[in-house]
């Protein structure tokens, strides 16, 4: 026996506050759905799992995210750059990154007992006073400090 459950679907959608197309019925329990007249009957069918709502299908952003990542990387070659290096990354930012890396390196050397406490502070002050150009320059100074 084929039952027209369109009206039931509308009623369920009003009760549950969802769209008609999201309402789902258990295929085996269609007779129970057809027999249910009152809102209480339908609520009891929802409770025991004969009627449920499908989840909303959203638009996937996965492909868009990957495209954006590629787009961010493209057009960053030397031919597309205008202005000085400091226009893209500020002088202060470069300085802070450099000094932090050198201080981290010094701390590691001190913890490994590669340099003494006095040597550490001497080099630390040189880093602070901008007498050390880079991490490789610091490594050279450490070699000199070790020999003395």
C-alpha atoms as a PDB file:
ATOM      1  CA  UNK A   1       0.000   0.000   0.000  1.00  0.00           C
ATOM      2  CA  UNK A   2       1.520   3.320  -1.114  1.00  0.00           C
ATOM      3  CA  UNK A   3       0.922   6.112   1.377  1.00  0.00           C
ATOM      4  CA  UNK A   4       1.110   9.801   0.517  1.00  0.00           C
ATOM      5  CA  UNK A   5       3.231  11.169   3.322  1.00  0.00           C
ATOM      6  CA  UNK A   6       3.790  14.618   1.896  1.00  0.00           C
ATOM      7  CA  UNK A   7       1.476  16.248   4.461  1.00  0.00           C
ATOM      8  CA  UNK A   8       3.189  14.286   7.231  1.00  0.00           C
ATOM      9  CA  UNK A   9       6.526  15.580   5.983  1.00  0.00           C
ATOM     10  CA  UNK A  10       5.199  19.174   6.117  1.00  0.00           C
ATOM     11  CA  UNK A  11       3.872  18.625   9.631  1.00  0.00           C
ATOM     12  CA  UNK A  12       7.173  17.163  10.838  1.00  0.00           C
ATOM     13  CA  UNK A  13       9.104  20.065   9.284  1.00  0.00           C
ATOM     14  CA  UNK A  14       6.879  22.550  11.153  1.00  0.00           C
ATOM     15  CA  UNK A  15       7.245  20.663  14.443  1.00  0.00           C
ATOM     16  CA  UNK A  16      11.022  20.303  14.211  1.00  0.00           C
ATOM     17  CA  UNK A  17      11.583  23.718  12.610  1.00  0.00           C
ATOM     18  CA  UNK A  18      13.507  22.446   9.589  1.00  0.00           C
ATOM     19  CA  UNK A  19      12.954  22.457   5.831  1.00  0.00           C
ATOM     20  CA  UNK A  20      10.717  19.824   4.203  1.00  0.00           C
ATOM     21  CA  UNK A  21      13.601  18.302   2.259  1.00  0.00           C
ATOM     22  CA  UNK A  22      15.578  17.572   5.428  1.00  0.00           C
ATOM     23  CA  UNK A  23      12.890  15.323   6.929  1.00  0.00           C
ATOM     24  CA  UNK A  24      13.658  11.586   6.689  1.00  0.00           C
ATOM     25  CA  UNK A  25      11.467   8.568   7.460  1.00  0.00           C
ATOM     26  CA  UNK A  26      12.452   5.008   8.331  1.00  0.00           C
ATOM     27  CA  UNK A  27      11.383   2.944   5.270  1.00  0.00           C
ATOM     28  CA  UNK A  28      10.137   0.048   7.438  1.00  0.00           C
ATOM     29  CA  UNK A  29       7.990   2.323   9.634  1.00  0.00           C
ATOM     30  CA  UNK A  30       6.141   4.226   6.884  1.00  0.00           C
ATOM     31  CA  UNK A  31       2.805   2.715   8.022  1.00  0.00           C
ATOM     32  CA  UNK A  32       3.348   4.116  11.536  1.00  0.00           C
ATOM     33  CA  UNK A  33       4.146   7.515  10.015  1.00  0.00           C
ATOM     34  CA  UNK A  34       0.968   7.361   7.897  1.00  0.00           C
ATOM     35  CA  UNK A  35      -1.144   6.429  10.954  1.00  0.00           C
ATOM     36  CA  UNK A  36       0.249   9.265  13.100  1.00  0.00           C
ATOM     37  CA  UNK A  37      -2.196  12.166  13.100  1.00  0.00           C
ATOM     38  CA  UNK A  38      -1.377  14.324  16.108  1.00  0.00           C
ATOM     39  CA  UNK A  39       1.756  16.260  16.904  1.00  0.00           C
ATOM     40  CA  UNK A  40       2.292  14.024  19.951  1.00  0.00           C
ATOM     41  CA  UNK A  41       2.276  10.917  17.730  1.00  0.00           C
ATOM     42  CA  UNK A  42       4.906  12.461  15.471  1.00  0.00           C
ATOM     43  CA  UNK A  43       7.028  13.590  18.426  1.00  0.00           C
ATOM     44  CA  UNK A  44       6.993  10.015  19.780  1.00  0.00           C
ATOM     45  CA  UNK A  45       8.106   8.718  16.354  1.00  0.00           C
ATOM     46  CA  UNK A  46      10.957  11.268  16.371  1.00  0.00           C
ATOM     47  CA  UNK A  47      11.905  10.090  19.862  1.00  0.00           C
ATOM     48  CA  UNK A  48      12.099   6.415  18.896  1.00  0.00           C
ATOM     49  CA  UNK A  49      14.060   7.168  15.692  1.00  0.00           C
ATOM     50  CA  UNK A  50      11.456   6.491  12.988  1.00  0.00           C
ATOM     51  CA  UNK A  51      11.657  10.126  11.904  1.00  0.00           C
ATOM     52  CA  UNK A  52      14.849  12.213  11.844  1.00  0.00           C
ATOM     53  CA  UNK A  53      16.362  15.199  10.077  1.00  0.00           C
ATOM     54  CA  UNK A  54      19.300  15.122   7.687  1.00  0.00           C
ATOM     55  CA  UNK A  55      22.279  17.332   8.400  1.00  0.00           C
ATOM     56  CA  UNK A  56      22.663  20.551   6.430  1.00  0.00           C
ATOM     57  CA  UNK A  57      25.095  20.220   3.539  1.00  0.00           C
ATOM     58  CA  UNK A  58      27.468  23.163   3.564  1.00  0.00           C
ATOM     59  CA  UNK A  59      29.771  24.387   0.848  1.00  0.00           C
ATOM     60  CA  UNK A  60      33.239  22.895   1.246  1.00  0.00           C
ATOM     61  CA  UNK A  61      36.021  25.474   1.571  1.00  0.00           C
ATOM     62  CA  UNK A  62      38.842  22.932   1.164  1.00  0.00           C
ATOM     63  CA  UNK A  63      39.600  23.609  -2.493  1.00  0.00           C
ATOM     64  CA  UNK A  64      39.347  27.361  -1.926  1.00  0.00           C
ATOM     65  CA  UNK A  65      41.859  27.190   0.922  1.00  0.00           C
ATOM     66  CA  UNK A  66      44.411  25.330  -1.175  1.00  0.00           C
ATOM     67  CA  UNK A  67      43.920  27.806  -4.036  1.00  0.00           C
ATOM     68  CA  UNK A  68      44.456  30.727  -1.655  1.00  0.00           C
ATOM     69  CA  UNK A  69      47.664  29.136  -0.358  1.00  0.00           C
ATOM     70  CA  UNK A  70      48.967  28.824  -3.921  1.00  0.00           C
ATOM     71  CA  UNK A  71      47.852  32.371  -4.727  1.00  0.00           C
ATOM     72  CA  UNK A  72      49.767  33.670  -1.695  1.00  0.00           C
ATOM     73  CA  UNK A  73      52.965  32.010  -2.921  1.00  0.00           C
ATOM     74  CA  UNK A  74      52.604  33.123  -6.532  1.00  0.00           C
ATOM     75  CA  UNK A  75      53.781  36.569  -7.563  1.00  0.00           C
ATOM     76  CA  UNK A  76      56.390  36.804  -4.819  1.00  0.00           C
ATOM     77  CA  UNK A  77      59.426  36.298  -7.067  1.00  0.00           C
ATOM     78  CA  UNK A  78      62.190  38.878  -7.496  1.00  0.00           C
ATOM     79  CA  UNK A  79      60.543  40.315 -10.624  1.00  0.00           C
ATOM     80  CA  UNK A  80      57.384  41.234  -8.738  1.00  0.00           C
ATOM     81  CA  UNK A  81      59.078  42.979  -5.823  1.00  0.00           C
ATOM     82  CA  UNK A  82      59.161  46.746  -5.711  1.00  0.00           C
ATOM     83  CA  UNK A  83      60.961  48.834  -3.148  1.00  0.00           C
ATOM     84  CA  UNK A  84      63.760  47.924  -0.770  1.00  0.00           C
ATOM     85  CA  UNK A  85      64.014  44.782   1.312  1.00  0.00           C
ATOM     86  CA  UNK A  86      63.042  46.875   4.328  1.00  0.00           C
ATOM     87  CA  UNK A  87      59.754  47.790   2.650  1.00  0.00           C
ATOM     88  CA  UNK A  88      58.579  44.189   2.990  1.00  0.00           C
ATOM     89  CA  UNK A  89      60.227  43.335   6.320  1.00  0.00           C
ATOM     90  CA  UNK A  90      61.096  46.207   8.632  1.00  0.00           C
ATOM     91  CA  UNK A  91      64.608  46.833   9.965  1.00  0.00           C
ATOM     92  CA  UNK A  92      63.486  46.386  13.543  1.00  0.00           C
ATOM     93  CA  UNK A  93      61.790  43.061  12.801  1.00  0.00           C
ATOM     94  CA  UNK A  94      64.954  41.746  11.114  1.00  0.00           C
ATOM     95  CA  UNK A  95      67.062  42.953  14.070  1.00  0.00           C
ATOM     96  CA  UNK A  96      64.798  41.315  16.650  1.00  0.00           C
ATOM     97  CA  UNK A  97      64.810  37.952  14.835  1.00  0.00           C
ATOM     98  CA  UNK A  98      68.593  38.058  14.463  1.00  0.00           C
ATOM     99  CA  UNK A  99      69.293  39.012  18.082  1.00  0.00           C
ATOM    100  CA  UNK A 100      66.876  36.408  19.454  1.00  0.00           C
ATOM    101  CA  UNK A 101      68.483  33.637  17.403  1.00  0.00           C
ATOM    102  CA  UNK A 102      71.963  34.675  18.562  1.00  0.00           C
ATOM    103  CA  UNK A 103      70.873  34.812  22.207  1.00  0.00           C
ATOM    104  CA  UNK A 104      69.261  31.382  21.870  1.00  0.00           C
ATOM    105  CA  UNK A 105      72.494  30.021  20.409  1.00  0.00           C
ATOM    106  CA  UNK A 106      74.563  31.532  23.224  1.00  0.00           C
ATOM    107  CA  UNK A 107      72.232  30.071  25.841  1.00  0.00           C
ATOM    108  CA  UNK A 108      72.538  26.631  24.268  1.00  0.00           C
ATOM    109  CA  UNK A 109      76.356  26.878  24.219  1.00  0.00           C
ATOM    110  CA  UNK A 110      76.398  27.885  27.892  1.00  0.00           C
ATOM    111  CA  UNK A 111      74.104  25.007  28.883  1.00  0.00           C
ATOM    112  CA  UNK A 112      76.335  22.542  27.010  1.00  0.00           C
ATOM    113  CA  UNK A 113      79.353  24.027  28.835  1.00  0.00           C
ATOM    114  CA  UNK A 114      81.014  24.913  25.514  1.00  0.00           C
ATOM    115  CA  UNK A 115      81.682  28.427  26.821  1.00  0.00           C
ATOM    116  CA  UNK A 116      82.202  29.719  30.337  1.00  0.00           C
ATOM    117  CA  UNK A 117      79.896  32.145  32.083  1.00  0.00           C
ATOM    118  CA  UNK A 118      82.358  35.026  31.555  1.00  0.00           C
ATOM    119  CA  UNK A 119      82.669  34.269  27.834  1.00  0.00           C
ATOM    120  CA  UNK A 120      78.869  34.028  27.596  1.00  0.00           C
ATOM    121  CA  UNK A 121      78.356  37.492  29.070  1.00  0.00           C
ATOM    122  CA  UNK A 122      81.129  38.993  26.970  1.00  0.00           C
ATOM    123  CA  UNK A 123      79.546  37.676  23.787  1.00  0.00           C
ATOM    124  CA  UNK A 124      76.036  38.537  25.023  1.00  0.00           C
ATOM    125  CA  UNK A 125      77.048  42.160  25.469  1.00  0.00           C
ATOM    126  CA  UNK A 126      78.614  42.195  22.003  1.00  0.00           C
ATOM    127  CA  UNK A 127      75.330  40.917  20.547  1.00  0.00           C
ATOM    128  CA  UNK A 128      73.460  43.577  22.509  1.00  0.00           C
ATOM    129  CA  UNK A 129      75.837  46.291  21.310  1.00  0.00           C
ATOM    130  CA  UNK A 130      75.416  45.213  17.649  1.00  0.00           C
ATOM    131  CA  UNK A 131      79.081  44.218  17.341  1.00  0.00           C
ATOM    132  CA  UNK A 132      78.052  40.803  16.005  1.00  0.00           C
ATOM    133  CA  UNK A 133      76.780  40.791  12.423  1.00  0.00           C
ATOM    134  CA  UNK A 134      75.099  37.397  12.204  1.00  0.00           C
ATOM    135  CA  UNK A 135      74.852  33.920  13.661  1.00  0.00           C
ATOM    136  CA  UNK A 136      77.822  32.741  11.573  1.00  0.00           C
ATOM    137  CA  UNK A 137      79.857  35.720  12.842  1.00  0.00           C
ATOM    138  CA  UNK A 138      78.879  34.748  16.396  1.00  0.00           C
ATOM    139  CA  UNK A 139      80.099  31.187  15.773  1.00  0.00           C
ATOM    140  CA  UNK A 140      83.474  32.549  14.633  1.00  0.00           C
ATOM    141  CA  UNK A 141      83.709  34.680  17.774  1.00  0.00           C
ATOM    142  CA  UNK A 142      82.881  31.614  19.906  1.00  0.00           C
ATOM    143  CA  UNK A 143      85.728  29.687  18.228  1.00  0.00           C
ATOM    144  CA  UNK A 144      88.097  32.565  19.053  1.00  0.00           C
ATOM    145  CA  UNK A 145      86.773  32.725  22.637  1.00  0.00           C
ATOM    146  CA  UNK A 146      87.379  28.983  23.090  1.00  0.00           C
ATOM    147  CA  UNK A 147      90.994  29.162  21.972  1.00  0.00           C
ATOM    148  CA  UNK A 148      91.794  31.952  24.422  1.00  0.00           C
END
